């Protein structure tokens, strides 16, 4: 007999792993929305889950969480918050321009199909 708790935990771990593997592929200077990241990771319409999951990353993570934005290129983290300020600084250091708390998705959006062989 299988343990339903263990199955649920492993399903959640599989989802997180898919998310992290996909996020790790977002190149420097490119951004992706929470919803787009969920779809690329094969998680369907899970934008809010992606946001929650990324908010729980350890502080020393090597994953490029700062490249994930709200719909339409909106920076979700508040101006003046430590994480929001860090996100803006990291994006600017990668050459991503931010105007009115938004990133130009046409210019900086990641479209992985274009980067594959």
C-alpha atoms as a PDB file:
ATOM      1  CA  UNK A   1       0.000   0.000   0.000  1.00  0.00           C
ATOM      2  CA  UNK A   2       1.359   3.427  -0.919  1.00  0.00           C
ATOM      3  CA  UNK A   3       1.478   6.317   1.501  1.00  0.00           C
ATOM      4  CA  UNK A   4      -0.619   9.214   0.123  1.00  0.00           C
ATOM      5  CA  UNK A   5       1.453  11.778   2.031  1.00  0.00           C
ATOM      6  CA  UNK A   6       4.660  10.535   0.413  1.00  0.00           C
ATOM      7  CA  UNK A   7       3.026  10.568  -3.037  1.00  0.00           C
ATOM      8  CA  UNK A   8       1.854  14.155  -2.545  1.00  0.00           C
ATOM      9  CA  UNK A   9       5.318  15.215  -1.387  1.00  0.00           C
ATOM     10  CA  UNK A  10       7.009  13.557  -4.346  1.00  0.00           C
ATOM     11  CA  UNK A  11       4.527  15.161  -6.788  1.00  0.00           C
ATOM     12  CA  UNK A  12       5.268  18.561  -5.215  1.00  0.00           C
ATOM     13  CA  UNK A  13       9.009  17.862  -5.454  1.00  0.00           C
ATOM     14  CA  UNK A  14       8.670  16.916  -9.125  1.00  0.00           C
ATOM     15  CA  UNK A  15       6.810  20.203  -9.789  1.00  0.00           C
ATOM     16  CA  UNK A  16       9.469  22.220  -7.936  1.00  0.00           C
ATOM     17  CA  UNK A  17      12.277  20.433  -9.796  1.00  0.00           C
ATOM     18  CA  UNK A  18      10.618  21.153 -13.173  1.00  0.00           C
ATOM     19  CA  UNK A  19      10.251  24.791 -12.146  1.00  0.00           C
ATOM     20  CA  UNK A  20      13.872  25.129 -10.984  1.00  0.00           C
ATOM     21  CA  UNK A  21      15.294  23.394 -14.074  1.00  0.00           C
ATOM     22  CA  UNK A  22      13.308  25.710 -16.346  1.00  0.00           C
ATOM     23  CA  UNK A  23      14.203  28.828 -14.363  1.00  0.00           C
ATOM     24  CA  UNK A  24      17.900  27.904 -14.487  1.00  0.00           C
ATOM     25  CA  UNK A  25      17.735  28.135 -18.305  1.00  0.00           C
ATOM     26  CA  UNK A  26      16.573  31.775 -18.443  1.00  0.00           C
ATOM     27  CA  UNK A  27      19.611  33.572 -19.855  1.00  0.00           C
ATOM     28  CA  UNK A  28      21.214  36.708 -18.463  1.00  0.00           C
ATOM     29  CA  UNK A  29      19.500  39.850 -19.728  1.00  0.00           C
ATOM     30  CA  UNK A  30      16.221  38.016 -20.424  1.00  0.00           C
ATOM     31  CA  UNK A  31      13.031  37.873 -18.371  1.00  0.00           C
ATOM     32  CA  UNK A  32      10.004  35.594 -18.160  1.00  0.00           C
ATOM     33  CA  UNK A  33       6.597  36.015 -16.503  1.00  0.00           C
ATOM     34  CA  UNK A  34       5.399  33.770 -13.679  1.00  0.00           C
ATOM     35  CA  UNK A  35       2.741  32.321 -15.998  1.00  0.00           C
ATOM     36  CA  UNK A  36       5.144  31.771 -18.889  1.00  0.00           C
ATOM     37  CA  UNK A  37       7.619  30.059 -16.563  1.00  0.00           C
ATOM     38  CA  UNK A  38       4.859  27.745 -15.302  1.00  0.00           C
ATOM     39  CA  UNK A  39       3.870  26.832 -18.876  1.00  0.00           C
ATOM     40  CA  UNK A  40       7.472  26.277 -19.999  1.00  0.00           C
ATOM     41  CA  UNK A  41       7.999  23.989 -17.001  1.00  0.00           C
ATOM     42  CA  UNK A  42       4.939  21.961 -18.005  1.00  0.00           C
ATOM     43  CA  UNK A  43       2.922  23.112 -14.992  1.00  0.00           C
ATOM     44  CA  UNK A  44       0.015  24.681 -16.855  1.00  0.00           C
ATOM     45  CA  UNK A  45      -1.615  27.784 -15.448  1.00  0.00           C
ATOM     46  CA  UNK A  46       0.276  27.937 -12.162  1.00  0.00           C
ATOM     47  CA  UNK A  47       1.562  31.528 -12.066  1.00  0.00           C
ATOM     48  CA  UNK A  48       0.604  32.080  -8.420  1.00  0.00           C
ATOM     49  CA  UNK A  49       2.142  28.779  -7.363  1.00  0.00           C
ATOM     50  CA  UNK A  50       5.359  29.784  -9.158  1.00  0.00           C
ATOM     51  CA  UNK A  51       5.402  33.097  -7.274  1.00  0.00           C
ATOM     52  CA  UNK A  52       4.830  31.407  -3.928  1.00  0.00           C
ATOM     53  CA  UNK A  53       7.464  28.776  -4.618  1.00  0.00           C
ATOM     54  CA  UNK A  54      10.070  31.324  -5.694  1.00  0.00           C
ATOM     55  CA  UNK A  55       9.369  33.420  -2.588  1.00  0.00           C
ATOM     56  CA  UNK A  56      10.477  30.401  -0.529  1.00  0.00           C
ATOM     57  CA  UNK A  57      13.889  30.025  -2.177  1.00  0.00           C
ATOM     58  CA  UNK A  58      16.841  30.234   0.218  1.00  0.00           C
ATOM     59  CA  UNK A  59      18.641  33.586   0.272  1.00  0.00           C
ATOM     60  CA  UNK A  60      21.829  32.100  -1.179  1.00  0.00           C
ATOM     61  CA  UNK A  61      20.129  30.422  -4.155  1.00  0.00           C
ATOM     62  CA  UNK A  62      21.975  30.477  -7.470  1.00  0.00           C
ATOM     63  CA  UNK A  63      18.685  30.392  -9.402  1.00  0.00           C
ATOM     64  CA  UNK A  64      17.973  33.610 -11.350  1.00  0.00           C
ATOM     65  CA  UNK A  65      14.693  34.382  -9.528  1.00  0.00           C
ATOM     66  CA  UNK A  66      15.143  38.064 -10.365  1.00  0.00           C
ATOM     67  CA  UNK A  67      14.402  37.311 -14.034  1.00  0.00           C
ATOM     68  CA  UNK A  68      10.798  36.347 -13.248  1.00  0.00           C
ATOM     69  CA  UNK A  69       8.211  39.120 -13.543  1.00  0.00           C
ATOM     70  CA  UNK A  70       4.491  39.628 -13.297  1.00  0.00           C
ATOM     71  CA  UNK A  71       2.225  39.740 -16.335  1.00  0.00           C
ATOM     72  CA  UNK A  72       3.147  42.353 -18.923  1.00  0.00           C
ATOM     73  CA  UNK A  73       6.659  42.751 -17.519  1.00  0.00           C
ATOM     74  CA  UNK A  74       5.525  44.244 -14.223  1.00  0.00           C
ATOM     75  CA  UNK A  75       7.935  43.925 -11.308  1.00  0.00           C
ATOM     76  CA  UNK A  76       5.806  42.378  -8.566  1.00  0.00           C
ATOM     77  CA  UNK A  77       8.102  43.069  -5.626  1.00  0.00           C
ATOM     78  CA  UNK A  78       7.490  46.455  -3.986  1.00  0.00           C
ATOM     79  CA  UNK A  79       9.821  49.396  -4.600  1.00  0.00           C
ATOM     80  CA  UNK A  80      11.842  49.981  -1.447  1.00  0.00           C
ATOM     81  CA  UNK A  81      11.621  46.371  -0.245  1.00  0.00           C
ATOM     82  CA  UNK A  82      14.997  44.592   0.097  1.00  0.00           C
ATOM     83  CA  UNK A  83      14.058  41.866  -2.408  1.00  0.00           C
ATOM     84  CA  UNK A  84      12.467  44.371  -4.803  1.00  0.00           C
ATOM     85  CA  UNK A  85      15.543  46.600  -4.716  1.00  0.00           C
ATOM     86  CA  UNK A  86      17.795  43.577  -5.238  1.00  0.00           C
ATOM     87  CA  UNK A  87      15.694  42.406  -8.197  1.00  0.00           C
ATOM     88  CA  UNK A  88      15.858  45.808  -9.874  1.00  0.00           C
ATOM     89  CA  UNK A  89      19.622  46.100  -9.269  1.00  0.00           C
ATOM     90  CA  UNK A  90      20.293  42.610 -10.656  1.00  0.00           C
ATOM     91  CA  UNK A  91      18.172  43.220 -13.760  1.00  0.00           C
ATOM     92  CA  UNK A  92      19.859  46.572 -14.440  1.00  0.00           C
ATOM     93  CA  UNK A  93      23.307  44.986 -14.017  1.00  0.00           C
ATOM     94  CA  UNK A  94      22.306  42.520 -16.784  1.00  0.00           C
ATOM     95  CA  UNK A  95      21.355  45.385 -19.098  1.00  0.00           C
ATOM     96  CA  UNK A  96      17.592  45.089 -18.603  1.00  0.00           C
ATOM     97  CA  UNK A  97      15.929  48.507 -18.701  1.00  0.00           C
ATOM     98  CA  UNK A  98      13.149  49.211 -16.221  1.00  0.00           C
ATOM     99  CA  UNK A  99      10.665  52.021 -16.810  1.00  0.00           C
ATOM    100  CA  UNK A 100       7.676  52.742 -14.553  1.00  0.00           C
ATOM    101  CA  UNK A 101       8.320  49.489 -12.689  1.00  0.00           C
ATOM    102  CA  UNK A 102       8.029  47.512 -15.934  1.00  0.00           C
ATOM    103  CA  UNK A 103      10.410  45.696 -18.235  1.00  0.00           C
ATOM    104  CA  UNK A 104       9.868  45.790 -22.003  1.00  0.00           C
ATOM    105  CA  UNK A 105       8.864  42.183 -22.689  1.00  0.00           C
ATOM    106  CA  UNK A 106       9.211  42.627 -26.472  1.00  0.00           C
ATOM    107  CA  UNK A 107      12.840  43.615 -25.980  1.00  0.00           C
ATOM    108  CA  UNK A 108      13.897  41.521 -22.970  1.00  0.00           C
ATOM    109  CA  UNK A 109      11.422  38.627 -22.950  1.00  0.00           C
ATOM    110  CA  UNK A 110      12.853  35.120 -23.166  1.00  0.00           C
ATOM    111  CA  UNK A 111      11.521  33.034 -26.028  1.00  0.00           C
ATOM    112  CA  UNK A 112      13.328  29.696 -25.670  1.00  0.00           C
ATOM    113  CA  UNK A 113      12.260  28.440 -29.109  1.00  0.00           C
ATOM    114  CA  UNK A 114      14.490  31.112 -30.689  1.00  0.00           C
ATOM    115  CA  UNK A 115      17.506  29.940 -28.691  1.00  0.00           C
ATOM    116  CA  UNK A 116      17.273  26.231 -29.455  1.00  0.00           C
ATOM    117  CA  UNK A 117      19.320  24.685 -32.259  1.00  0.00           C
END
